């Protein structure tokens, strides 16, 4: 199984992804690590990425997912996965790729970004991400509110996974 923690910047993808990986005793990979230097530079300067910027990044993440699948490993990734077409590339028809949508209000996200340090993402891009976001439905992702504590979010994700698997 491959889990992908998704959502806009400030939703807590990295923290939740790390915690899920710890609970599942598997590897964690932050999708931001696959961004090109040019993409990071654009975002640092408040320039939104285009689909053309994202396609190679998404394909590189998909290749990393396939490596884990070939090794029959469970893994947790993070990726904003803002559009359905992006999620389609990452999923590539695999039923064992599960998205975890970390949903939050604009106010909560803004507050989180104000206090975040050491990240290349310019907080002014939040609105651009929200405008781009195509929220997944219940068939496409497990949705959890970021108003919960990180521990509650992870518990909820694991509970919903059991329900999906019929366990």
Protein backbone atom coordinates (compact mmCIF):
# COMPACT_ATOMS: atom_id res chain seq x y z
CA UNK A 1 0.00 0.00 0.00
CA UNK A 2 1.12 3.51 -0.84
CA UNK A 3 -0.36 6.47 1.06
CA UNK A 4 -0.06 10.01 -0.28
CA UNK A 5 -0.76 12.83 2.16
CA UNK A 6 -2.16 15.63 0.01
CA UNK A 7 -3.42 19.19 0.36
CA UNK A 8 -2.30 22.77 0.04
CA UNK A 9 0.76 24.19 1.73
CA UNK A 10 0.34 24.48 5.47
CA UNK A 11 -2.03 21.51 5.75
CA UNK A 12 0.56 19.45 7.62
CA UNK A 13 1.43 16.93 4.94
CA UNK A 14 4.98 16.36 6.12
CA UNK A 15 4.15 15.99 9.80
CA UNK A 16 1.19 13.70 9.18
CA UNK A 17 3.14 11.73 6.56
CA UNK A 18 6.01 11.17 8.98
CA UNK A 19 3.63 10.11 11.74
CA UNK A 20 1.74 7.72 9.44
CA UNK A 21 5.02 6.16 8.30
CA UNK A 22 6.09 5.72 11.90
CA UNK A 23 2.81 4.05 12.83
CA UNK A 24 2.90 1.83 9.74
CA UNK A 25 6.62 1.03 10.20
CA UNK A 26 7.45 2.06 6.65
CA UNK A 27 9.43 4.61 4.66
CA UNK A 28 8.41 8.25 4.34
CA UNK A 29 9.25 10.39 1.31
CA UNK A 30 8.45 14.08 1.02
CA UNK A 31 7.35 14.89 -2.53
CA UNK A 32 8.98 18.32 -2.25
CA UNK A 33 12.34 16.55 -2.47
CA UNK A 34 11.54 15.73 -6.11
CA UNK A 35 11.00 19.38 -7.15
CA UNK A 36 13.59 20.77 -9.52
CA UNK A 37 15.75 23.67 -8.39
CA UNK A 38 13.87 25.83 -10.90
CA UNK A 39 10.49 24.91 -9.36
CA UNK A 40 11.75 25.67 -5.86
CA UNK A 41 13.15 28.99 -7.02
CA UNK A 42 9.84 29.97 -8.63
CA UNK A 43 7.88 29.14 -5.47
CA UNK A 44 10.41 30.93 -3.27
CA UNK A 45 9.79 34.07 -5.32
CA UNK A 46 6.00 33.75 -5.17
CA UNK A 47 5.59 32.54 -8.75
CA UNK A 48 2.92 29.82 -9.07
CA UNK A 49 3.95 26.62 -10.82
CA UNK A 50 2.29 25.75 -14.11
CA UNK A 51 1.16 22.31 -15.18
CA UNK A 52 4.26 22.18 -17.38
CA UNK A 53 6.39 22.73 -14.25
CA UNK A 54 4.54 19.99 -12.40
CA UNK A 55 4.39 17.15 -14.98
CA UNK A 56 8.08 16.07 -14.65
CA UNK A 57 7.85 16.38 -10.85
CA UNK A 58 4.74 14.19 -10.71
CA UNK A 59 6.27 11.57 -13.04
CA UNK A 60 9.37 11.42 -10.82
CA UNK A 61 7.20 10.81 -7.74
CA UNK A 62 5.30 8.11 -9.66
CA UNK A 63 8.62 6.40 -10.48
CA UNK A 64 9.49 6.39 -6.76
CA UNK A 65 6.07 4.89 -5.99
CA UNK A 66 6.67 2.16 -8.57
CA UNK A 67 10.04 1.35 -6.96
CA UNK A 68 8.29 0.78 -3.62
CA UNK A 69 5.63 -1.34 -5.32
CA UNK A 70 8.22 -3.51 -7.09
CA UNK A 71 9.83 -4.12 -3.71
CA UNK A 72 6.37 -4.92 -2.23
CA UNK A 73 6.87 -2.19 0.35
CA UNK A 74 4.32 -0.02 2.11
CA UNK A 75 5.32 3.64 1.96
CA UNK A 76 4.01 7.12 2.71
CA UNK A 77 4.60 10.03 0.34
CA UNK A 78 3.53 13.65 0.43
CA UNK A 79 2.45 15.62 -2.60
CA UNK A 80 0.04 18.53 -2.87
CA UNK A 81 -1.83 16.61 -5.61
CA UNK A 82 -4.04 19.62 -6.20
CA UNK A 83 -5.76 18.46 -9.40
CA UNK A 84 -7.45 15.19 -10.24
CA UNK A 85 -5.16 14.89 -13.28
CA UNK A 86 -2.13 15.07 -10.96
CA UNK A 87 -3.61 12.37 -8.72
CA UNK A 88 -4.29 10.25 -11.81
CA UNK A 89 -0.58 10.37 -12.71
CA UNK A 90 0.44 9.41 -9.18
CA UNK A 91 -2.18 6.65 -8.87
CA UNK A 92 -1.81 5.37 -12.44
CA UNK A 93 -4.82 3.11 -11.91
CA UNK A 94 -3.34 1.37 -8.85
CA UNK A 95 -5.93 0.56 -6.21
CA UNK A 96 -3.22 0.30 -3.55
CA UNK A 97 -2.37 4.02 -3.89
CA UNK A 98 -4.52 5.87 -1.36
CA UNK A 99 -4.73 9.64 -1.02
CA UNK A 100 -5.19 11.28 2.37
CA UNK A 101 -6.62 14.76 1.89
CA UNK A 102 -5.75 17.10 4.74
CA UNK A 103 -8.52 19.68 4.60
CA UNK A 104 -8.44 23.02 6.36
CA UNK A 105 -9.99 26.46 6.28
CA UNK A 106 -8.24 29.44 4.72
CA UNK A 107 -7.86 31.02 8.16
CA UNK A 108 -6.21 27.95 9.68
CA UNK A 109 -3.88 27.53 6.72
CA UNK A 110 -2.84 31.19 6.77
CA UNK A 111 -2.08 31.01 10.50
CA UNK A 112 0.06 27.93 10.01
CA UNK A 113 2.03 29.48 7.16
CA UNK A 114 2.71 32.62 9.22
CA UNK A 115 4.54 30.55 11.82
CA UNK A 116 6.40 28.22 9.43
CA UNK A 117 10.10 28.81 8.92
CA UNK A 118 12.78 27.31 6.70
CA UNK A 119 10.52 26.35 3.78
CA UNK A 120 10.93 27.48 0.17
CA UNK A 121 7.19 28.06 -0.33
CA UNK A 122 6.14 31.72 -0.39
CA UNK A 123 2.93 32.00 1.72
CA UNK A 124 1.48 34.41 -0.84
CA UNK A 125 0.97 31.35 -3.10
CA UNK A 126 -1.66 29.83 -0.78
CA UNK A 127 -4.56 31.45 -2.63
CA UNK A 128 -3.17 30.21 -5.95
CA UNK A 129 -3.07 26.67 -4.56
CA UNK A 130 -6.63 26.96 -3.23
CA UNK A 131 -7.79 28.24 -6.63
CA UNK A 132 -6.11 25.26 -8.32
CA UNK A 133 -7.34 22.67 -5.80
CA UNK A 134 -9.89 20.17 -7.09
CA UNK A 135 -11.05 18.61 -3.83
CA UNK A 136 -11.20 14.82 -4.01
CA UNK A 137 -14.44 13.03 -3.22
CA UNK A 138 -14.85 10.09 -0.82
CA UNK A 139 -14.11 7.61 -3.61
CA UNK A 140 -10.81 9.30 -4.39
CA UNK A 141 -9.39 10.06 -0.95
CA UNK A 142 -9.70 9.77 2.78
CA UNK A 143 -10.51 13.30 3.95
CA UNK A 144 -9.52 14.47 7.42
CA UNK A 145 -9.84 17.91 9.00
CA UNK A 146 -6.61 19.60 10.06
CA UNK A 147 -8.52 21.05 13.01
CA UNK A 148 -7.87 17.73 14.76
CA UNK A 149 -4.58 17.14 16.56
CA UNK A 150 -1.91 15.35 14.51
CA UNK A 151 -2.44 12.21 16.62
CA UNK A 152 -6.20 12.33 16.00
CA UNK A 153 -5.62 12.81 12.27
CA UNK A 154 -3.37 9.74 12.10
CA UNK A 155 -5.85 7.69 14.17
CA UNK A 156 -8.68 8.74 11.85
CA UNK A 157 -6.70 7.89 8.71
CA UNK A 158 -5.81 4.43 10.05
CA UNK A 159 -9.42 3.81 11.08
CA UNK A 160 -10.69 4.82 7.62
CA UNK A 161 -8.07 2.58 5.98
CA UNK A 162 -9.40 -0.39 7.95
CA UNK A 163 -12.94 0.45 6.82
CA UNK A 164 -11.82 0.72 3.18
CA UNK A 165 -10.03 -2.62 3.39
CA UNK A 166 -13.05 -4.24 4.98
CA UNK A 167 -11.01 -5.25 8.03
